[in-house]
Amino acid sequence: MYSANVGGYRPERTDIKVYTEDKLGNPHYSSRMYKILSHCYDLETWSVYVDADIFLTKEKELELIAETAKSGKPVGVFKHPWRDSPYQEVDEVFRLEKDSEESLKRAVSYLDYYNVERSGLAACGIIVRLKCPEVERANEFWWSLVCSTSRRDQITFPLAFRGLYHLFEGNIYDFKKKS
């Protein structure tokens, strides 16, 4: 299990591997790089990325890996608890001014072009991935989308991982550390 906390925007952790180096001169994109390119930073057969404020027990980590393996999909993520579509996520990101209108329009053009379903939004704070060429290609595509469209990774995850992911039931926010 690993995480990223570039720029110290979340409390420090010592219980898991946490990448902190700003390799790109931009803490946001450096954190995303570690998160998205799991095949470069976690060499285990099964990689489990968690946001720095999410805490899983070893038992829960193994349970999520087993559920993903049993699903026949190489990736497992939680369903988003409040929104069901990348298009709804675009609207929320725009409303909260968390990305530029231009970047969001580019993301929507990709979603439209590839005919991404309007349901099944992932909450990308926990990502379970099998180390395999198919996932490595999806990771690389996802990284290219985050760099060229919206920096908000949940928007383009469904496009990069179409047909490759299993949605866990439950609320991802049950694993967030309460401040």
C-alpha atoms as a PDB file:
ATOM      1  CA  MET A   1       0.000   0.000   0.000  1.00  0.00           C
ATOM      2  CA  TYR A   2       1.298   3.461  -0.819  1.00  0.00           C
ATOM      3  CA  SER A   3       0.296   7.114  -1.038  1.00  0.00           C
ATOM      4  CA  ALA A   4       1.538  10.521  -2.193  1.00  0.00           C
ATOM      5  CA  ASN A   5       1.721  13.747  -0.220  1.00  0.00           C
ATOM      6  CA  VAL A   6       3.789  16.229  -2.199  1.00  0.00           C
ATOM      7  CA  GLY A   7       3.898  19.675  -0.651  1.00  0.00           C
ATOM      8  CA  GLY A   8       2.640  18.452   2.727  1.00  0.00           C
ATOM      9  CA  TYR A   9      -1.000  19.315   2.048  1.00  0.00           C
ATOM     10  CA  ARG A  10      -2.104  16.404   4.252  1.00  0.00           C
ATOM     11  CA  PRO A  11      -0.786  15.233   7.630  1.00  0.00           C
ATOM     12  CA  GLU A  12       2.429  13.212   7.568  1.00  0.00           C
ATOM     13  CA  ARG A  13       2.219   9.390   7.719  1.00  0.00           C
ATOM     14  CA  THR A  14       4.752   6.746   8.643  1.00  0.00           C
ATOM     15  CA  ASP A  15       2.594   3.599   8.475  1.00  0.00           C
ATOM     16  CA  ILE A  16       2.903   3.145   4.679  1.00  0.00           C
ATOM     17  CA  LYS A  17       5.194   4.240   1.848  1.00  0.00           C
ATOM     18  CA  VAL A  18       4.412   7.907   1.024  1.00  0.00           C
ATOM     19  CA  TYR A  19       5.993   9.635  -1.971  1.00  0.00           C
ATOM     20  CA  THR A  20       6.774  13.283  -1.193  1.00  0.00           C
ATOM     21  CA  GLU A  21       9.327  14.430  -3.799  1.00  0.00           C
ATOM     22  CA  ASP A  22       8.147  17.160  -6.168  1.00  0.00           C
ATOM     23  CA  LYS A  23       9.696  15.689  -9.323  1.00  0.00           C
ATOM     24  CA  LEU A  24       7.738  17.938 -11.701  1.00  0.00           C
ATOM     25  CA  GLY A  25       8.021  21.326 -10.005  1.00  0.00           C
ATOM     26  CA  ASN A  26       4.280  21.203  -9.340  1.00  0.00           C
ATOM     27  CA  PRO A  27       3.068  19.460  -6.165  1.00  0.00           C
ATOM     28  CA  HIS A  28      -0.383  18.683  -7.589  1.00  0.00           C
ATOM     29  CA  TYR A  29       0.938  16.973 -10.726  1.00  0.00           C
ATOM     30  CA  SER A  30       3.767  15.240  -8.851  1.00  0.00           C
ATOM     31  CA  SER A  31       1.203  13.721  -6.443  1.00  0.00           C
ATOM     32  CA  ARG A  32      -0.969  12.641  -9.383  1.00  0.00           C
ATOM     33  CA  MET A  33       2.043  11.091 -11.129  1.00  0.00           C
ATOM     34  CA  TYR A  34       2.702   8.783  -8.158  1.00  0.00           C
ATOM     35  CA  LYS A  35      -1.004   7.969  -7.880  1.00  0.00           C
ATOM     36  CA  ILE A  36      -1.624   7.286 -11.552  1.00  0.00           C
ATOM     37  CA  LEU A  37       1.602   5.565 -12.611  1.00  0.00           C
ATOM     38  CA  SER A  38       1.441   2.770 -10.022  1.00  0.00           C
ATOM     39  CA  HIS A  39       3.456   0.415 -12.220  1.00  0.00           C
ATOM     40  CA  CYS A  40       6.458   2.754 -11.839  1.00  0.00           C
ATOM     41  CA  TYR A  41       6.246   3.222  -8.071  1.00  0.00           C
ATOM     42  CA  ASP A  42       4.761   0.064  -6.563  1.00  0.00           C
ATOM     43  CA  LEU A  43       6.359  -3.116  -7.837  1.00  0.00           C
ATOM     44  CA  GLU A  44       4.106  -5.543  -5.990  1.00  0.00           C
ATOM     45  CA  THR A  45       1.815  -7.863  -7.993  1.00  0.00           C
ATOM     46  CA  TRP A  46      -1.172  -5.987  -6.559  1.00  0.00           C
ATOM     47  CA  SER A  47      -0.793  -2.267  -5.996  1.00  0.00           C
ATOM     48  CA  VAL A  48      -3.040  -0.431  -3.533  1.00  0.00           C
ATOM     49  CA  TYR A  49      -2.964   3.353  -3.710  1.00  0.00           C
ATOM     50  CA  VAL A  50      -4.686   5.362  -0.966  1.00  0.00           C
ATOM     51  CA  ASP A  51      -5.054   9.118  -0.613  1.00  0.00           C
ATOM     52  CA  ALA A  52      -2.889  10.332   2.267  1.00  0.00           C
ATOM     53  CA  ASP A  53      -5.904  10.843   4.535  1.00  0.00           C
ATOM     54  CA  ILE A  54      -7.360   7.366   3.938  1.00  0.00           C
ATOM     55  CA  PHE A  55      -6.461   4.536   6.299  1.00  0.00           C
ATOM     56  CA  LEU A  56      -6.989   0.843   5.542  1.00  0.00           C
ATOM     57  CA  THR A  57      -6.146  -2.041   7.808  1.00  0.00           C
ATOM     58  CA  LYS A  58      -3.985  -4.766   6.299  1.00  0.00           C
ATOM     59  CA  GLU A  59      -7.046  -7.017   6.516  1.00  0.00           C
ATOM     60  CA  LYS A  60      -9.156  -4.548   4.494  1.00  0.00           C
ATOM     61  CA  GLU A  61      -6.359  -4.118   1.945  1.00  0.00           C
ATOM     62  CA  LEU A  62      -6.223  -7.898   1.406  1.00  0.00           C
ATOM     63  CA  GLU A  63     -10.032  -8.087   1.273  1.00  0.00           C
ATOM     64  CA  LEU A  64     -10.146  -5.456  -1.517  1.00  0.00           C
ATOM     65  CA  ILE A  65      -7.408  -7.254  -3.466  1.00  0.00           C
ATOM     66  CA  ALA A  66      -9.295 -10.566  -3.154  1.00  0.00           C
ATOM     67  CA  GLU A  67     -12.574  -8.962  -4.236  1.00  0.00           C
ATOM     68  CA  THR A  68     -10.898  -7.372  -7.261  1.00  0.00           C
ATOM     69  CA  ALA A  69      -9.256 -10.668  -8.244  1.00  0.00           C
ATOM     70  CA  LYS A  70     -12.550 -12.537  -7.842  1.00  0.00           C
ATOM     71  CA  SER A  71     -14.335  -9.968 -10.060  1.00  0.00           C
ATOM     72  CA  GLY A  72     -12.106 -10.918 -12.999  1.00  0.00           C
ATOM     73  CA  LYS A  73     -11.150  -7.259 -13.463  1.00  0.00           C
ATOM     74  CA  PRO A  74      -7.571  -6.038 -12.935  1.00  0.00           C
ATOM     75  CA  VAL A  75      -8.656  -2.825 -11.146  1.00  0.00           C
ATOM     76  CA  GLY A  76     -10.934  -2.126  -8.189  1.00  0.00           C
ATOM     77  CA  VAL A  77     -12.273   1.249  -6.998  1.00  0.00           C
ATOM     78  CA  PHE A  78     -15.129   2.451  -4.832  1.00  0.00           C
ATOM     79  CA  LYS A  79     -18.237   3.895  -6.400  1.00  0.00           C
ATOM     80  CA  HIS A  80     -18.465   7.628  -5.876  1.00  0.00           C
ATOM     81  CA  PRO A  81     -20.907   8.138  -2.980  1.00  0.00           C
ATOM     82  CA  TRP A  82     -22.619  11.275  -4.319  1.00  0.00           C
ATOM     83  CA  ARG A  83     -22.274  11.402  -8.109  1.00  0.00           C
ATOM     84  CA  ASP A  84     -22.826   8.706 -10.706  1.00  0.00           C
ATOM     85  CA  SER A  85     -21.266  10.185 -13.834  1.00  0.00           C
ATOM     86  CA  PRO A  86     -18.052  11.836 -15.013  1.00  0.00           C
ATOM     87  CA  TYR A  87     -20.302  14.517 -16.507  1.00  0.00           C
ATOM     88  CA  GLN A  88     -21.776  15.243 -13.066  1.00  0.00           C
ATOM     89  CA  GLU A  89     -18.208  15.434 -11.744  1.00  0.00           C
ATOM     90  CA  VAL A  90     -17.317  17.981 -14.447  1.00  0.00           C
ATOM     91  CA  ASP A  91     -20.295  20.114 -13.364  1.00  0.00           C
ATOM     92  CA  GLU A  92     -19.233  19.927  -9.696  1.00  0.00           C
ATOM     93  CA  VAL A  93     -15.576  20.705 -10.435  1.00  0.00           C
ATOM     94  CA  PHE A  94     -16.675  23.711 -12.505  1.00  0.00           C
ATOM     95  CA  ARG A  95     -19.070  24.891  -9.776  1.00  0.00           C
ATOM     96  CA  LEU A  96     -16.316  24.653  -7.151  1.00  0.00           C
ATOM     97  CA  GLU A  97     -13.783  26.278  -9.526  1.00  0.00           C
ATOM     98  CA  LYS A  98     -11.297  23.430  -9.074  1.00  0.00           C
ATOM     99  CA  ASP A  99     -10.233  23.482 -12.733  1.00  0.00           C
ATOM    100  CA  SER A 100     -10.516  25.798 -15.708  1.00  0.00           C
ATOM    101  CA  GLU A 101     -13.501  25.780 -18.027  1.00  0.00           C
ATOM    102  CA  GLU A 102     -11.143  25.168 -20.957  1.00  0.00           C
ATOM    103  CA  SER A 103      -9.614  22.051 -19.330  1.00  0.00           C
ATOM    104  CA  LEU A 104     -13.048  20.707 -18.420  1.00  0.00           C
ATOM    105  CA  LYS A 105     -14.311  21.224 -21.979  1.00  0.00           C
ATOM    106  CA  ARG A 106     -11.331  19.235 -23.288  1.00  0.00           C
ATOM    107  CA  ALA A 107     -12.156  16.428 -20.849  1.00  0.00           C
ATOM    108  CA  VAL A 108     -15.816  16.397 -21.930  1.00  0.00           C
ATOM    109  CA  SER A 109     -14.787  16.270 -25.596  1.00  0.00           C
ATOM    110  CA  TYR A 110     -12.778  13.091 -24.861  1.00  0.00           C
ATOM    111  CA  LEU A 111     -15.624  11.573 -22.858  1.00  0.00           C
ATOM    112  CA  ASP A 112     -18.020  12.324 -25.734  1.00  0.00           C
ATOM    113  CA  TYR A 113     -15.633  11.134 -28.464  1.00  0.00           C
ATOM    114  CA  TYR A 114     -15.054   7.788 -26.736  1.00  0.00           C
ATOM    115  CA  ASN A 115     -18.722   7.518 -25.776  1.00  0.00           C
ATOM    116  CA  VAL A 116     -18.013   7.048 -22.070  1.00  0.00           C
ATOM    117  CA  GLU A 117     -21.066   5.896 -20.159  1.00  0.00           C
ATOM    118  CA  ARG A 118     -22.918   8.494 -18.160  1.00  0.00           C
ATOM    119  CA  SER A 119     -22.981   6.249 -15.103  1.00  0.00           C
ATOM    120  CA  GLY A 120     -20.470   4.584 -12.836  1.00  0.00           C
ATOM    121  CA  LEU A 121     -18.223   7.321 -11.444  1.00  0.00           C
ATOM    122  CA  ALA A 122     -15.298   6.067  -9.358  1.00  0.00           C
ATOM    123  CA  ALA A 123     -14.013   7.634  -6.158  1.00  0.00           C
ATOM    124  CA  CYS A 124     -10.281   7.447  -6.840  1.00  0.00           C
ATOM    125  CA  GLY A 125      -9.017   7.760  -3.259  1.00  0.00           C
ATOM    126  CA  ILE A 126      -8.447   3.987  -3.106  1.00  0.00           C
ATOM    127  CA  ILE A 127      -7.282   2.161  -6.242  1.00  0.00           C
ATOM    128  CA  VAL A 128      -6.430  -1.548  -6.330  1.00  0.00           C
ATOM    129  CA  ARG A 129      -4.479  -2.555  -9.467  1.00  0.00           C
ATOM    130  CA  LEU A 130      -2.960  -5.759 -10.775  1.00  0.00           C
ATOM    131  CA  LYS A 131       0.500  -5.231 -12.236  1.00  0.00           C
ATOM    132  CA  CYS A 132      -0.004  -6.275 -15.861  1.00  0.00           C
ATOM    133  CA  PRO A 133       0.530  -4.741 -19.325  1.00  0.00           C
ATOM    134  CA  GLU A 134      -3.172  -3.897 -19.745  1.00  0.00           C
ATOM    135  CA  VAL A 135      -3.190  -1.824 -16.549  1.00  0.00           C
ATOM    136  CA  GLU A 136       0.171  -0.228 -17.388  1.00  0.00           C
ATOM    137  CA  ARG A 137      -1.282   0.979 -20.725  1.00  0.00           C
ATOM    138  CA  ALA A 138      -4.395   2.292 -18.973  1.00  0.00           C
ATOM    139  CA  ASN A 139      -2.232   4.075 -16.368  1.00  0.00           C
ATOM    140  CA  GLU A 140      -0.194   5.739 -19.128  1.00  0.00           C
ATOM    141  CA  PHE A 141      -3.363   6.792 -20.997  1.00  0.00           C
ATOM    142  CA  TRP A 142      -4.876   8.147 -17.772  1.00  0.00           C
ATOM    143  CA  TRP A 143      -1.710  10.161 -17.087  1.00  0.00           C
ATOM    144  CA  SER A 144      -1.823  11.629 -20.614  1.00  0.00           C
ATOM    145  CA  LEU A 145      -5.480  12.606 -20.093  1.00  0.00           C
ATOM    146  CA  VAL A 146      -4.785  14.265 -16.721  1.00  0.00           C
ATOM    147  CA  CYS A 147      -1.906  16.212 -18.299  1.00  0.00           C
ATOM    148  CA  SER A 148      -3.857  17.269 -21.396  1.00  0.00           C
ATOM    149  CA  THR A 149      -7.414  17.736 -20.126  1.00  0.00           C
ATOM    150  CA  SER A 150      -8.669  18.162 -16.565  1.00  0.00           C
ATOM    151  CA  ARG A 151      -6.246  17.743 -13.676  1.00  0.00           C
ATOM    152  CA  ARG A 152      -9.150  16.190 -11.723  1.00  0.00           C
ATOM    153  CA  ASP A 153      -8.351  12.478 -12.128  1.00  0.00           C
ATOM    154  CA  GLN A 154     -11.843  11.138 -11.306  1.00  0.00           C
ATOM    155  CA  ILE A 155     -13.193  12.713 -14.500  1.00  0.00           C
ATOM    156  CA  THR A 156     -10.949  10.774 -16.878  1.00  0.00           C
ATOM    157  CA  PHE A 157     -10.539   7.525 -14.905  1.00  0.00           C
ATOM    158  CA  PRO A 158     -13.673   5.947 -16.498  1.00  0.00           C
ATOM    159  CA  LEU A 159     -12.265   6.635 -19.973  1.00  0.00           C
ATOM    160  CA  ALA A 160      -8.758   5.310 -19.313  1.00  0.00           C
ATOM    161  CA  PHE A 161      -9.993   2.169 -17.547  1.00  0.00           C
ATOM    162  CA  ARG A 162     -13.129   1.387 -19.584  1.00  0.00           C
ATOM    163  CA  GLY A 163     -14.058  -2.252 -19.059  1.00  0.00           C
ATOM    164  CA  LEU A 164     -11.147  -2.840 -16.676  1.00  0.00           C
ATOM    165  CA  TYR A 165     -12.525  -1.913 -13.272  1.00  0.00           C
ATOM    166  CA  HIS A 166     -14.706  -3.389 -10.587  1.00  0.00           C
ATOM    167  CA  LEU A 167     -16.739  -1.034  -8.364  1.00  0.00           C
ATOM    168  CA  PHE A 168     -16.649  -1.783  -4.641  1.00  0.00           C
ATOM    169  CA  GLU A 169     -19.828  -1.185  -2.682  1.00  0.00           C
ATOM    170  CA  GLY A 170     -19.680   0.993   0.415  1.00  0.00           C
ATOM    171  CA  ASN A 171     -18.567   4.528   1.101  1.00  0.00           C
ATOM    172  CA  ILE A 172     -14.883   5.337   0.566  1.00  0.00           C
ATOM    173  CA  TYR A 173     -15.197   8.171   3.074  1.00  0.00           C
ATOM    174  CA  ASP A 174     -15.663   5.641   5.881  1.00  0.00           C
ATOM    175  CA  PHE A 175     -11.867   5.165   5.582  1.00  0.00           C
ATOM    176  CA  LYS A 176     -10.930   8.851   5.821  1.00  0.00           C
ATOM    177  CA  LYS A 177      -9.166   9.948   8.967  1.00  0.00           C
ATOM    178  CA  LYS A 178     -11.396  12.182  11.000  1.00  0.00           C
ATOM    179  CA  SER A 179      -9.602  15.428  11.915  1.00  0.00           C
END
